[in-house]
Amino acid sequence: MGRSSGVSGLRRRREVWPVTQVELLWFDGCPSHEPARAMLEDVLAELAPGTPIEDIDASDPAKAERLRFPGSPTIRIDGHDIQPGFEDPGDYAPRCRVFPTPAGLRGVPPREWIEDAVRRSVANR
């Protein structure tokens, strides 16, 4: 005989919902694009499985301007930049982006920023 859980052997599982919109904006040649994508994929697999990533190449200056692209990589969850306190720089030329972290300026945002943005999105659904 197996363990008795009082639920007839059925395990409760947590329901996870996809995030409404996830955008990864980048420009061709950005060395931080792929590491940021890998981290984003890992966070989504853990916190919001099945959420697609809209991959946006902002290499064209006109497209970068239209998208209000602050640099590569940029991650937006439900239309909001994941960087806490983000202020639009008003300059949208395709370029590398650096993030102010406790460890100094980095080319990839801290994982916690992505996790926090995904959790907020899931909580608001």
N, C-alpha and C. Protein backbone atom coordinates (compact mmCIF):
# COMPACT_ATOMS: atom_id res chain seq x y z
N MET A 1 0.82 -1.17 0.00
CA MET A 1 0.00 0.00 0.00
C MET A 1 0.86 1.24 0.00
N GLY A 2 0.42 2.26 -0.73
CA GLY A 2 1.18 3.51 -0.82
C GLY A 2 0.82 4.45 0.31
N ARG A 3 1.38 5.63 0.22
CA ARG A 3 1.11 6.65 1.22
C ARG A 3 -0.33 7.12 1.09
N SER A 4 -0.91 7.45 2.19
CA SER A 4 -2.26 8.00 2.18
C SER A 4 -2.16 9.50 2.38
N SER A 5 -2.67 10.24 1.40
CA SER A 5 -2.59 11.69 1.50
C SER A 5 -3.94 12.31 1.79
N GLY A 6 -4.98 11.50 1.82
CA GLY A 6 -6.30 12.04 2.04
C GLY A 6 -6.90 12.64 0.77
N VAL A 7 -6.16 12.57 -0.33
CA VAL A 7 -6.66 13.11 -1.59
C VAL A 7 -6.67 11.99 -2.64
N SER A 8 -6.81 10.78 -2.18
CA SER A 8 -6.87 9.61 -3.05
C SER A 8 -5.70 9.56 -4.02
N GLY A 9 -4.51 9.86 -3.53
CA GLY A 9 -3.34 9.72 -4.37
C GLY A 9 -3.14 10.86 -5.36
N LEU A 10 -4.07 11.78 -5.44
CA LEU A 10 -3.91 12.90 -6.37
C LEU A 10 -3.04 13.97 -5.73
N ARG A 11 -2.12 14.49 -6.50
CA ARG A 11 -1.29 15.56 -5.99
C ARG A 11 -1.88 16.90 -6.43
N ARG A 12 -1.86 17.83 -5.53
CA ARG A 12 -2.29 19.18 -5.90
C ARG A 12 -1.16 19.82 -6.67
N ARG A 13 -1.52 20.53 -7.72
CA ARG A 13 -0.47 21.24 -8.43
C ARG A 13 -0.86 22.69 -8.59
N ARG A 14 0.11 23.52 -8.60
CA ARG A 14 -0.07 24.95 -8.71
C ARG A 14 -0.35 25.29 -10.17
N GLU A 15 -1.37 26.10 -10.39
CA GLU A 15 -1.64 26.55 -11.74
C GLU A 15 -0.77 27.75 -12.04
N VAL A 16 -0.19 27.78 -13.22
CA VAL A 16 0.65 28.88 -13.64
C VAL A 16 0.09 29.43 -14.93
N TRP A 17 0.01 30.74 -15.01
CA TRP A 17 -0.56 31.38 -16.19
C TRP A 17 0.52 32.09 -16.98
N PRO A 18 0.41 32.07 -18.30
CA PRO A 18 1.37 32.82 -19.10
C PRO A 18 1.21 34.32 -18.86
N VAL A 19 2.28 35.03 -19.07
CA VAL A 19 2.28 36.47 -18.99
C VAL A 19 1.63 37.00 -20.27
N THR A 20 0.96 38.13 -20.18
CA THR A 20 0.27 38.68 -21.33
C THR A 20 1.21 38.95 -22.50
N GLN A 21 2.31 39.69 -22.24
CA GLN A 21 3.22 40.03 -23.33
C GLN A 21 4.65 40.13 -22.81
N VAL A 22 5.55 39.47 -23.50
CA VAL A 22 6.97 39.55 -23.19
C VAL A 22 7.70 39.93 -24.47
N GLU A 23 8.44 41.03 -24.40
CA GLU A 23 9.21 41.50 -25.56
C GLU A 23 10.69 41.50 -25.20
N LEU A 24 11.50 41.02 -26.13
CA LEU A 24 12.94 41.12 -26.03
C LEU A 24 13.41 41.91 -27.24
N LEU A 25 13.88 43.12 -26.98
CA LEU A 25 14.36 44.01 -28.04
C LEU A 25 15.88 44.00 -28.02
N TRP A 26 16.47 43.97 -29.20
CA TRP A 26 17.92 43.88 -29.31
C TRP A 26 18.36 44.45 -30.65
N PHE A 27 19.66 44.61 -30.82
CA PHE A 27 20.19 44.98 -32.13
C PHE A 27 21.27 43.98 -32.52
N ASP A 28 21.45 43.83 -33.82
CA ASP A 28 22.41 42.88 -34.34
C ASP A 28 23.82 43.24 -33.86
N GLY A 29 24.49 42.29 -33.28
CA GLY A 29 25.85 42.50 -32.79
C GLY A 29 25.94 42.73 -31.29
N CYS A 30 24.82 42.78 -30.62
CA CYS A 30 24.83 42.99 -29.17
C CYS A 30 25.34 41.73 -28.47
N PRO A 31 26.43 41.81 -27.71
CA PRO A 31 26.95 40.62 -27.04
C PRO A 31 26.10 40.17 -25.85
N SER A 32 25.21 41.02 -25.36
CA SER A 32 24.40 40.68 -24.18
C SER A 32 23.04 40.11 -24.54
N HIS A 33 22.70 40.13 -25.81
CA HIS A 33 21.38 39.68 -26.27
C HIS A 33 21.12 38.21 -25.91
N GLU A 34 22.03 37.34 -26.26
CA GLU A 34 21.81 35.90 -26.02
C GLU A 34 21.81 35.54 -24.54
N PRO A 35 22.74 36.07 -23.72
CA PRO A 35 22.66 35.77 -22.28
C PRO A 35 21.35 36.28 -21.65
N ALA A 36 20.89 37.44 -22.10
CA ALA A 36 19.62 37.97 -21.58
C ALA A 36 18.46 37.07 -22.00
N ARG A 37 18.48 36.60 -23.25
CA ARG A 37 17.43 35.70 -23.74
C ARG A 37 17.42 34.41 -22.91
N ALA A 38 18.57 33.84 -22.67
CA ALA A 38 18.65 32.59 -21.90
C ALA A 38 18.09 32.77 -20.49
N MET A 39 18.43 33.88 -19.86
CA MET A 39 17.91 34.14 -18.51
C MET A 39 16.40 34.33 -18.56
N LEU A 40 15.91 35.09 -19.54
CA LEU A 40 14.48 35.32 -19.69
C LEU A 40 13.74 34.01 -19.91
N GLU A 41 14.26 33.14 -20.77
CA GLU A 41 13.64 31.84 -21.02
C GLU A 41 13.59 31.01 -19.74
N ASP A 42 14.67 31.02 -18.95
CA ASP A 42 14.71 30.26 -17.69
C ASP A 42 13.65 30.76 -16.71
N VAL A 43 13.55 32.09 -16.58
CA VAL A 43 12.58 32.66 -15.64
C VAL A 43 11.16 32.32 -16.09
N LEU A 44 10.88 32.46 -17.37
CA LEU A 44 9.53 32.16 -17.86
C LEU A 44 9.20 30.68 -17.69
N ALA A 45 10.16 29.79 -17.95
CA ALA A 45 9.92 28.36 -17.77
C ALA A 45 9.56 28.04 -16.32
N GLU A 46 10.16 28.76 -15.40
CA GLU A 46 9.91 28.53 -13.97
C GLU A 46 8.62 29.18 -13.49
N LEU A 47 8.39 30.44 -13.89
CA LEU A 47 7.29 31.20 -13.30
C LEU A 47 6.04 31.34 -14.17
N ALA A 48 6.19 31.20 -15.48
CA ALA A 48 5.05 31.38 -16.38
C ALA A 48 5.24 30.52 -17.63
N PRO A 49 5.25 29.19 -17.44
CA PRO A 49 5.47 28.29 -18.57
C PRO A 49 4.48 28.54 -19.71
N GLY A 50 4.98 28.42 -20.92
CA GLY A 50 4.13 28.60 -22.09
C GLY A 50 4.05 30.03 -22.57
N THR A 51 4.69 30.94 -21.88
CA THR A 51 4.67 32.34 -22.30
C THR A 51 5.63 32.52 -23.46
N PRO A 52 5.13 33.00 -24.60
CA PRO A 52 6.03 33.23 -25.74
C PRO A 52 6.80 34.54 -25.57
N ILE A 53 7.96 34.59 -26.20
CA ILE A 53 8.78 35.79 -26.22
C ILE A 53 8.65 36.40 -27.62
N GLU A 54 8.27 37.67 -27.67
CA GLU A 54 8.25 38.38 -28.94
C GLU A 54 9.66 38.93 -29.16
N ASP A 55 10.33 38.38 -30.14
CA ASP A 55 11.71 38.71 -30.45
C ASP A 55 11.73 39.89 -31.43
N ILE A 56 12.30 41.03 -31.03
CA ILE A 56 12.23 42.24 -31.84
C ILE A 56 13.64 42.74 -32.14
N ASP A 57 14.00 42.68 -33.43
CA ASP A 57 15.28 43.20 -33.89
C ASP A 57 15.12 44.70 -34.13
N ALA A 58 15.77 45.51 -33.31
CA ALA A 58 15.68 46.97 -33.42
C ALA A 58 16.95 47.55 -34.02
N SER A 59 17.58 46.82 -34.93
CA SER A 59 18.82 47.28 -35.55
C SER A 59 18.61 48.49 -36.45
N ASP A 60 17.45 48.58 -37.08
CA ASP A 60 17.15 49.71 -37.95
C ASP A 60 16.84 50.95 -37.11
N PRO A 61 17.57 52.06 -37.31
CA PRO A 61 17.35 53.25 -36.49
C PRO A 61 15.91 53.77 -36.51
N ALA A 62 15.22 53.69 -37.65
CA ALA A 62 13.83 54.16 -37.72
C ALA A 62 12.94 53.26 -36.85
N LYS A 63 13.18 51.97 -36.89
CA LYS A 63 12.40 51.04 -36.07
C LYS A 63 12.71 51.25 -34.59
N ALA A 64 14.00 51.46 -34.28
CA ALA A 64 14.41 51.70 -32.89
C ALA A 64 13.70 52.94 -32.34
N GLU A 65 13.60 53.97 -33.15
CA GLU A 65 12.92 55.21 -32.75
C GLU A 65 11.44 54.94 -32.51
N ARG A 66 10.82 54.25 -33.43
CA ARG A 66 9.39 53.94 -33.33
C ARG A 66 9.08 53.12 -32.07
N LEU A 67 9.99 52.22 -31.73
CA LEU A 67 9.80 51.34 -30.56
C LEU A 67 10.28 51.98 -29.25
N ARG A 68 10.86 53.17 -29.35
CA ARG A 68 11.42 53.84 -28.17
C ARG A 68 12.41 52.91 -27.48
N PHE A 69 13.36 52.43 -28.28
CA PHE A 69 14.34 51.42 -27.90
C PHE A 69 15.50 52.06 -27.13
N PRO A 70 15.63 51.79 -25.82
CA PRO A 70 16.69 52.41 -25.04
C PRO A 70 18.04 51.71 -25.12
N GLY A 71 18.12 50.60 -25.82
CA GLY A 71 19.38 49.87 -25.95
C GLY A 71 19.16 48.38 -25.81
N SER A 72 20.21 47.64 -26.17
CA SER A 72 20.12 46.19 -26.23
C SER A 72 20.93 45.56 -25.09
N PRO A 73 20.31 44.63 -24.39
CA PRO A 73 18.94 44.11 -24.55
C PRO A 73 17.94 44.92 -23.72
N THR A 74 16.73 44.97 -24.21
CA THR A 74 15.62 45.55 -23.46
C THR A 74 14.56 44.48 -23.31
N ILE A 75 14.10 44.29 -22.10
CA ILE A 75 13.03 43.33 -21.82
C ILE A 75 11.84 44.12 -21.29
N ARG A 76 10.71 43.92 -21.94
CA ARG A 76 9.47 44.56 -21.49
C ARG A 76 8.45 43.47 -21.20
N ILE A 77 7.82 43.59 -20.05
CA ILE A 77 6.76 42.68 -19.64
C ILE A 77 5.47 43.50 -19.60
N ASP A 78 4.49 43.09 -20.38
CA ASP A 78 3.21 43.81 -20.48
C ASP A 78 3.43 45.29 -20.79
N GLY A 79 4.42 45.56 -21.66
CA GLY A 79 4.68 46.92 -22.11
C GLY A 79 5.55 47.75 -21.21
N HIS A 80 6.00 47.19 -20.09
CA HIS A 80 6.80 47.94 -19.12
C HIS A 80 8.22 47.40 -19.07
N ASP A 81 9.18 48.30 -19.09
CA ASP A 81 10.58 47.92 -18.95
C ASP A 81 10.76 47.27 -17.58
N ILE A 82 11.58 46.23 -17.52
CA ILE A 82 11.76 45.50 -16.25
C ILE A 82 12.65 46.24 -15.26
N GLN A 83 13.40 47.24 -15.72
CA GLN A 83 14.30 47.96 -14.81
C GLN A 83 13.50 48.79 -13.83
N PRO A 84 13.66 48.56 -12.53
CA PRO A 84 12.96 49.38 -11.55
C PRO A 84 13.33 50.85 -11.71
N GLY A 85 12.34 51.71 -11.70
CA GLY A 85 12.58 53.14 -11.82
C GLY A 85 13.05 53.57 -13.19
N PHE A 86 12.83 52.75 -14.19
CA PHE A 86 13.29 53.07 -15.55
C PHE A 86 12.77 54.43 -16.00
N GLU A 87 13.67 55.23 -16.54
CA GLU A 87 13.30 56.51 -17.13
C GLU A 87 13.70 56.50 -18.59
N ASP A 88 12.76 56.79 -19.46
CA ASP A 88 13.00 56.81 -20.90
C ASP A 88 14.09 57.83 -21.21
N PRO A 89 15.18 57.40 -21.86
CA PRO A 89 16.29 58.32 -22.13
C PRO A 89 16.00 59.31 -23.26
N GLY A 90 15.01 59.01 -24.10
CA GLY A 90 14.69 59.90 -25.21
C GLY A 90 15.65 59.76 -26.39
N ASP A 91 16.62 58.88 -26.29
CA ASP A 91 17.57 58.61 -27.38
C ASP A 91 17.44 57.14 -27.72
N TYR A 92 17.09 56.86 -28.97
CA TYR A 92 16.74 55.48 -29.33
C TYR A 92 17.66 54.88 -30.38
N ALA A 93 18.86 55.38 -30.52
CA ALA A 93 19.81 54.81 -31.48
C ALA A 93 20.17 53.40 -31.04
N PRO A 94 20.25 52.46 -31.99
CA PRO A 94 20.64 51.10 -31.63
C PRO A 94 22.04 51.09 -30.99
N ARG A 95 22.10 50.61 -29.77
CA ARG A 95 23.35 50.57 -29.02
C ARG A 95 23.21 49.56 -27.87
N CYS A 96 24.33 49.25 -27.25
CA CYS A 96 24.31 48.37 -26.09
C CYS A 96 23.75 49.13 -24.90
N ARG A 97 23.07 48.40 -24.06
CA ARG A 97 22.49 48.96 -22.85
C ARG A 97 23.24 48.41 -21.66
N VAL A 98 23.43 49.23 -20.65
CA VAL A 98 24.01 48.76 -19.40
C VAL A 98 23.01 49.02 -18.29
N PHE A 99 23.05 48.15 -17.30
CA PHE A 99 22.10 48.20 -16.20
C PHE A 99 22.84 48.48 -14.90
N PRO A 100 22.34 49.42 -14.10
CA PRO A 100 22.96 49.68 -12.81
C PRO A 100 22.56 48.60 -11.81
N THR A 101 23.51 47.79 -11.40
CA THR A 101 23.24 46.70 -10.47
C THR A 101 24.08 46.92 -9.21
N PRO A 102 23.78 46.20 -8.14
CA PRO A 102 24.61 46.31 -6.93
C PRO A 102 26.08 45.97 -7.21
N ALA A 103 26.35 45.18 -8.25
CA ALA A 103 27.72 44.79 -8.59
C ALA A 103 28.35 45.74 -9.61
N GLY A 104 27.67 46.84 -9.91
CA GLY A 104 28.18 47.79 -10.91
C GLY A 104 27.37 47.69 -12.20
N LEU A 105 27.84 48.39 -13.23
CA LEU A 105 27.14 48.37 -14.51
C LEU A 105 27.35 47.02 -15.20
N ARG A 106 26.26 46.45 -15.70
CA ARG A 106 26.31 45.15 -16.37
C ARG A 106 25.51 45.21 -17.66
N GLY A 107 25.85 44.35 -18.61
CA GLY A 107 25.16 44.30 -19.90
C GLY A 107 23.89 43.47 -19.88
N VAL A 108 23.67 42.74 -18.80
CA VAL A 108 22.48 41.90 -18.65
C VAL A 108 21.80 42.32 -17.35
N PRO A 109 20.47 42.47 -17.37
CA PRO A 109 19.79 42.87 -16.13
C PRO A 109 19.85 41.75 -15.09
N PRO A 110 19.73 42.11 -13.82
CA PRO A 110 19.68 41.08 -12.78
C PRO A 110 18.45 40.19 -12.95
N ARG A 111 18.63 38.93 -12.70
CA ARG A 111 17.53 37.96 -12.82
C ARG A 111 16.33 38.38 -11.97
N GLU A 112 16.58 38.96 -10.81
CA GLU A 112 15.50 39.36 -9.91
C GLU A 112 14.55 40.36 -10.57
N TRP A 113 15.07 41.23 -11.42
CA TRP A 113 14.20 42.20 -12.10
C TRP A 113 13.21 41.48 -13.01
N ILE A 114 13.70 40.47 -13.72
CA ILE A 114 12.82 39.71 -14.61
C ILE A 114 11.79 38.95 -13.78
N GLU A 115 12.26 38.29 -12.71
CA GLU A 115 11.35 37.53 -11.85
C GLU A 115 10.27 38.44 -11.26
N ASP A 116 10.66 39.60 -10.77
CA ASP A 116 9.69 40.53 -10.18
C ASP A 116 8.66 40.98 -11.21
N ALA A 117 9.10 41.30 -12.41
CA ALA A 117 8.19 41.76 -13.46
C ALA A 117 7.22 40.65 -13.87
N VAL A 118 7.71 39.43 -13.97
CA VAL A 118 6.85 38.29 -14.33
C VAL A 118 5.84 38.03 -13.21
N ARG A 119 6.30 38.06 -11.97
CA ARG A 119 5.38 37.83 -10.84
C ARG A 119 4.28 38.89 -10.79
N ARG A 120 4.65 40.15 -11.04
CA ARG A 120 3.63 41.22 -11.06
C ARG A 120 2.61 40.96 -12.16
N SER A 121 3.09 40.55 -13.32
CA SER A 121 2.19 40.30 -14.44
C SER A 121 1.23 39.15 -14.12
N VAL A 122 1.77 38.06 -13.58
CA VAL A 122 0.96 36.89 -13.24
C VAL A 122 -0.07 37.27 -12.17
N ALA A 123 0.35 38.07 -11.19
CA ALA A 123 -0.56 38.47 -10.10
C ALA A 123 -1.69 39.35 -10.60
N ASN A 124 -1.44 40.10 -11.67
CA ASN A 124 -2.45 41.01 -12.21
C ASN A 124 -3.41 40.36 -13.19
N ARG A 125 -3.28 39.07 -13.40
CA ARG A 125 -4.16 38.38 -14.37
C ARG A 125 -5.41 37.89 -13.73
